[in-house]
C-alpha cells in the first residue's frame, strides 16, 4: 500500500514512529505548503491512529523548533527565537505545531508519546526520515524506500 500521511491511515500496528517530513531546505522549500501539511496533518493522522490503537507514538522533531537560538546548546526549557513568516517557517512552524499536538494528545487523551529533537538530517540514501509501522504481534510489513511525504506499505517512510 502507498499512502501519504496527510490523509488518515487505517492499519493495525503496535507502535508508530512519525518521521515524515523533508528535512533538507532544498526539499522542504520546494513546496512549503505541502511541507506544513506533512508536519501538521501527518501528526494529526498518526496521532489519531495511535489513539485508536492505544499504542505508543514517536515524533521525530528538530532543533529547528528553536528558530535562530540565542543559546547553544539548547536546553529543553528554552523556547527559542523564531520567525513564523520566513522562508524556513514551513518546516520550523510545522514541527512546532506537531510537537504541540503531540503534547496536547498526551494531556487530553493520555496517549503515550515520545518526541525526539534531531539536529541534523541524513542524506536520502543513508536513512532519510521514515515512518515505521510494525504489524500487530510482530508480523507485518518490511521496510521499503519512499518519496518525500509518502508512506509505502510495507512499513517505511523515508
C-alpha atoms as a PDB file:
ATOM      1  CA  UNK A   1       0.000   0.000   0.000  1.00  0.00           C
ATOM      2  CA  UNK A   2       1.198   3.509  -0.760  1.00  0.00           C
ATOM      3  CA  UNK A   3      -0.229   6.250   1.432  1.00  0.00           C
ATOM      4  CA  UNK A   4       0.531   9.909   2.149  1.00  0.00           C
ATOM      5  CA  UNK A   5       0.491  10.838   5.850  1.00  0.00           C
ATOM      6  CA  UNK A   6      -1.588  13.916   5.087  1.00  0.00           C
ATOM      7  CA  UNK A   7      -4.553  11.530   4.781  1.00  0.00           C
ATOM      8  CA  UNK A   8      -5.931   9.268   7.546  1.00  0.00           C
ATOM      9  CA  UNK A   9      -4.463   5.783   7.686  1.00  0.00           C
ATOM     10  CA  UNK A  10      -6.345   2.724   8.888  1.00  0.00           C
ATOM     11  CA  UNK A  11      -3.928  -0.047   9.795  1.00  0.00           C
ATOM     12  CA  UNK A  12      -3.203  -2.375  12.701  1.00  0.00           C
ATOM     13  CA  UNK A  13       0.193  -1.620  14.244  1.00  0.00           C
ATOM     14  CA  UNK A  14       1.991  -1.987  17.577  1.00  0.00           C
ATOM     15  CA  UNK A  15       3.825   1.348  17.551  1.00  0.00           C
ATOM     16  CA  UNK A  16       4.265   4.379  15.323  1.00  0.00           C
ATOM     17  CA  UNK A  17       7.367   6.445  14.588  1.00  0.00           C
ATOM     18  CA  UNK A  18       6.450   9.606  12.701  1.00  0.00           C
ATOM     19  CA  UNK A  19       9.467  10.985  10.876  1.00  0.00           C
ATOM     20  CA  UNK A  20       7.502  12.165   7.855  1.00  0.00           C
ATOM     21  CA  UNK A  21       8.787  15.478   6.535  1.00  0.00           C
ATOM     22  CA  UNK A  22      11.548  16.544   4.186  1.00  0.00           C
ATOM     23  CA  UNK A  23      14.427  17.809   6.329  1.00  0.00           C
ATOM     24  CA  UNK A  24      16.639  19.460   3.734  1.00  0.00           C
ATOM     25  CA  UNK A  25      15.878  23.128   2.979  1.00  0.00           C
ATOM     26  CA  UNK A  26      16.119  22.322  -0.736  1.00  0.00           C
ATOM     27  CA  UNK A  27      13.307  19.795  -0.346  1.00  0.00           C
ATOM     28  CA  UNK A  28      11.039  21.498   2.175  1.00  0.00           C
ATOM     29  CA  UNK A  29      11.202  24.905   0.475  1.00  0.00           C
ATOM     30  CA  UNK A  30      10.280  23.356  -2.885  1.00  0.00           C
ATOM     31  CA  UNK A  31       6.640  23.045  -1.732  1.00  0.00           C
ATOM     32  CA  UNK A  32       6.270  24.897   1.578  1.00  0.00           C
ATOM     33  CA  UNK A  33       2.506  24.350   1.833  1.00  0.00           C
ATOM     34  CA  UNK A  34       2.915  20.591   1.456  1.00  0.00           C
ATOM     35  CA  UNK A  35       5.776  20.674   3.992  1.00  0.00           C
ATOM     36  CA  UNK A  36       3.478  22.292   6.561  1.00  0.00           C
ATOM     37  CA  UNK A  37       0.676  19.855   5.725  1.00  0.00           C
ATOM     38  CA  UNK A  38       3.037  16.903   6.108  1.00  0.00           C
ATOM     39  CA  UNK A  39       4.004  18.026   9.609  1.00  0.00           C
ATOM     40  CA  UNK A  40       0.576  19.131  10.830  1.00  0.00           C
ATOM     41  CA  UNK A  41      -1.902  16.854   9.028  1.00  0.00           C
ATOM     42  CA  UNK A  42       0.580  13.990   9.278  1.00  0.00           C
ATOM     43  CA  UNK A  43       0.794  14.448  13.056  1.00  0.00           C
ATOM     44  CA  UNK A  44      -2.997  14.643  13.390  1.00  0.00           C
ATOM     45  CA  UNK A  45      -3.493  11.494  11.309  1.00  0.00           C
ATOM     46  CA  UNK A  46      -0.783   9.471  13.033  1.00  0.00           C
ATOM     47  CA  UNK A  47      -1.968  10.628  16.478  1.00  0.00           C
ATOM     48  CA  UNK A  48      -5.493   9.588  15.541  1.00  0.00           C
ATOM     49  CA  UNK A  49      -4.209   6.160  14.585  1.00  0.00           C
ATOM     50  CA  UNK A  50      -2.211   5.867  17.823  1.00  0.00           C
ATOM     51  CA  UNK A  51      -5.251   6.949  19.836  1.00  0.00           C
ATOM     52  CA  UNK A  52      -7.492   4.374  18.157  1.00  0.00           C
ATOM     53  CA  UNK A  53      -4.944   1.595  18.703  1.00  0.00           C
ATOM     54  CA  UNK A  54      -3.767   2.842  22.131  1.00  0.00           C
ATOM     55  CA  UNK A  55      -0.160   2.433  21.021  1.00  0.00           C
ATOM     56  CA  UNK A  56       2.943   4.493  21.685  1.00  0.00           C
ATOM     57  CA  UNK A  57       3.917   7.056  19.076  1.00  0.00           C
ATOM     58  CA  UNK A  58       7.265   8.757  18.468  1.00  0.00           C
ATOM     59  CA  UNK A  59       7.543  12.160  16.792  1.00  0.00           C
ATOM     60  CA  UNK A  60      10.832  12.979  15.112  1.00  0.00           C
ATOM     61  CA  UNK A  61      11.117  16.695  15.604  1.00  0.00           C
ATOM     62  CA  UNK A  62      14.028  19.022  15.040  1.00  0.00           C
ATOM     63  CA  UNK A  63      16.195  21.543  16.792  1.00  0.00           C
ATOM     64  CA  UNK A  64      14.762  23.967  14.209  1.00  0.00           C
ATOM     65  CA  UNK A  65      11.797  24.416  16.576  1.00  0.00           C
ATOM     66  CA  UNK A  66      14.120  26.795  18.462  1.00  0.00           C
ATOM     67  CA  UNK A  67      14.430  29.003  15.369  1.00  0.00           C
ATOM     68  CA  UNK A  68      17.609  31.070  15.445  1.00  0.00           C
ATOM     69  CA  UNK A  69      18.580  30.327  19.050  1.00  0.00           C
ATOM     70  CA  UNK A  70      20.496  32.699  21.285  1.00  0.00           C
ATOM     71  CA  UNK A  71      21.576  29.782  23.492  1.00  0.00           C
ATOM     72  CA  UNK A  72      23.872  26.907  22.417  1.00  0.00           C
ATOM     73  CA  UNK A  73      23.281  24.094  23.006  1.00  0.00           C
ATOM     74  CA  UNK A  74      19.549  24.422  23.611  1.00  0.00           C
ATOM     75  CA  UNK A  75      18.032  23.004  26.764  1.00  0.00           C
ATOM     76  CA  UNK A  76      14.543  21.532  26.814  1.00  0.00           C
ATOM     77  CA  UNK A  77      13.211  24.529  28.742  1.00  0.00           C
ATOM     78  CA  UNK A  78      14.497  27.010  26.119  1.00  0.00           C
ATOM     79  CA  UNK A  79      11.613  28.214  23.933  1.00  0.00           C
ATOM     80  CA  UNK A  80      13.697  29.665  21.148  1.00  0.00           C
ATOM     81  CA  UNK A  81      13.638  32.684  18.873  1.00  0.00           C
ATOM     82  CA  UNK A  82      11.510  32.013  15.830  1.00  0.00           C
ATOM     83  CA  UNK A  83      10.410  33.749  12.638  1.00  0.00           C
ATOM     84  CA  UNK A  84       6.902  32.489  11.816  1.00  0.00           C
ATOM     85  CA  UNK A  85       6.838  34.098   8.338  1.00  0.00           C
ATOM     86  CA  UNK A  86      10.331  33.435   6.975  1.00  0.00           C
ATOM     87  CA  UNK A  87      11.194  31.043   4.144  1.00  0.00           C
ATOM     88  CA  UNK A  88      12.086  28.303   6.655  1.00  0.00           C
ATOM     89  CA  UNK A  89       8.865  28.725   8.650  1.00  0.00           C
ATOM     90  CA  UNK A  90       7.049  25.947   6.768  1.00  0.00           C
ATOM     91  CA  UNK A  91       9.447  23.450   8.354  1.00  0.00           C
ATOM     92  CA  UNK A  92      10.103  25.097  11.738  1.00  0.00           C
ATOM     93  CA  UNK A  93       6.489  26.029  12.484  1.00  0.00           C
ATOM     94  CA  UNK A  94       5.146  22.748  11.118  1.00  0.00           C
ATOM     95  CA  UNK A  95       7.386  20.846  13.528  1.00  0.00           C
ATOM     96  CA  UNK A  96       6.448  23.197  16.399  1.00  0.00           C
ATOM     97  CA  UNK A  97       2.758  22.626  15.714  1.00  0.00           C
ATOM     98  CA  UNK A  98       3.305  18.861  15.500  1.00  0.00           C
ATOM     99  CA  UNK A  99       5.014  18.914  18.918  1.00  0.00           C
ATOM    100  CA  UNK A 100       2.114  20.933  20.334  1.00  0.00           C
ATOM    101  CA  UNK A 101      -0.356  18.370  19.011  1.00  0.00           C
ATOM    102  CA  UNK A 102       1.657  15.503  20.474  1.00  0.00           C
ATOM    103  CA  UNK A 103       1.699  17.025  23.937  1.00  0.00           C
ATOM    104  CA  UNK A 104      -1.986  18.006  23.703  1.00  0.00           C
ATOM    105  CA  UNK A 105      -2.907  14.418  22.775  1.00  0.00           C
ATOM    106  CA  UNK A 106      -0.842  13.233  25.721  1.00  0.00           C
ATOM    107  CA  UNK A 107      -2.594  15.596  28.151  1.00  0.00           C
ATOM    108  CA  UNK A 108      -6.094  15.228  26.758  1.00  0.00           C
ATOM    109  CA  UNK A 109      -6.174  11.564  25.716  1.00  0.00           C
ATOM    110  CA  UNK A 110      -3.401  10.118  27.929  1.00  0.00           C
ATOM    111  CA  UNK A 111      -1.643   8.932  24.782  1.00  0.00           C
ATOM    112  CA  UNK A 112       1.866   7.559  25.302  1.00  0.00           C
ATOM    113  CA  UNK A 113       4.137   9.838  23.269  1.00  0.00           C
ATOM    114  CA  UNK A 114       7.831  10.348  22.708  1.00  0.00           C
ATOM    115  CA  UNK A 115       9.353  13.384  21.000  1.00  0.00           C
ATOM    116  CA  UNK A 116      12.939  13.375  19.745  1.00  0.00           C
ATOM    117  CA  UNK A 117      14.541  16.610  18.563  1.00  0.00           C
ATOM    118  CA  UNK A 118      17.093  15.791  15.908  1.00  0.00           C
ATOM    119  CA  UNK A 119      19.573  18.495  14.958  1.00  0.00           C
ATOM    120  CA  UNK A 120      20.638  17.276  11.521  1.00  0.00           C
ATOM    121  CA  UNK A 121      19.296  15.300   8.601  1.00  0.00           C
ATOM    122  CA  UNK A 122      20.740  12.352   6.764  1.00  0.00           C
ATOM    123  CA  UNK A 123      21.079  12.210   3.027  1.00  0.00           C
ATOM    124  CA  UNK A 124      18.231  10.354   1.350  1.00  0.00           C
ATOM    125  CA  UNK A 125      20.379   7.315   0.563  1.00  0.00           C
ATOM    126  CA  UNK A 126      21.681   6.982   4.111  1.00  0.00           C
ATOM    127  CA  UNK A 127      18.483   6.899   6.154  1.00  0.00           C
ATOM    128  CA  UNK A 128      16.026   9.557   5.076  1.00  0.00           C
ATOM    129  CA  UNK A 129      13.223  10.291   7.588  1.00  0.00           C
ATOM    130  CA  UNK A 130      10.901   7.342   7.949  1.00  0.00           C
ATOM    131  CA  UNK A 131       7.544   6.429   9.282  1.00  0.00           C
ATOM    132  CA  UNK A 132       7.787   2.934  10.695  1.00  0.00           C
ATOM    133  CA  UNK A 133       4.712   0.884  11.237  1.00  0.00           C
ATOM    134  CA  UNK A 134       5.105  -2.573  12.656  1.00  0.00           C
ATOM    135  CA  UNK A 135       2.327  -5.089  12.235  1.00  0.00           C
ATOM    136  CA  UNK A 136       0.395  -6.410  15.213  1.00  0.00           C
ATOM    137  CA  UNK A 137       2.090  -9.257  17.099  1.00  0.00           C
ATOM    138  CA  UNK A 138       5.424  -8.711  15.334  1.00  0.00           C
ATOM    139  CA  UNK A 139       4.048  -9.706  11.937  1.00  0.00           C
ATOM    140  CA  UNK A 140       3.745  -7.300   9.133  1.00  0.00           C
ATOM    141  CA  UNK A 141       5.480  -5.102   6.697  1.00  0.00           C
ATOM    142  CA  UNK A 142       9.132  -4.843   5.821  1.00  0.00           C
ATOM    143  CA  UNK A 143      10.966  -1.583   5.113  1.00  0.00           C
ATOM    144  CA  UNK A 144      10.807  -0.114   1.621  1.00  0.00           C
ATOM    145  CA  UNK A 145      12.015   3.212   0.194  1.00  0.00           C
ATOM    146  CA  UNK A 146       9.684   6.185  -0.168  1.00  0.00           C
ATOM    147  CA  UNK A 147       9.322   9.532  -1.806  1.00  0.00           C
ATOM    148  CA  UNK A 148       9.198  12.615   0.408  1.00  0.00           C
ATOM    149  CA  UNK A 149       5.873  12.808   2.244  1.00  0.00           C
ATOM    150  CA  UNK A 150       4.665   9.374   1.104  1.00  0.00           C
ATOM    151  CA  UNK A 151       4.039   6.245   3.122  1.00  0.00           C
ATOM    152  CA  UNK A 152       4.935   2.974   1.490  1.00  0.00           C
ATOM    153  CA  UNK A 153       3.476  -0.204   2.831  1.00  0.00           C
ATOM    154  CA  UNK A 154       5.306  -2.197   3.863  1.00  0.00           C
ATOM    155  CA  UNK A 155       6.379  -0.024   6.691  1.00  0.00           C
ATOM    156  CA  UNK A 156       8.826   2.699   5.852  1.00  0.00           C
ATOM    157  CA  UNK A 157       8.562   6.367   5.121  1.00  0.00           C
ATOM    158  CA  UNK A 158      11.958   7.822   4.488  1.00  0.00           C
END
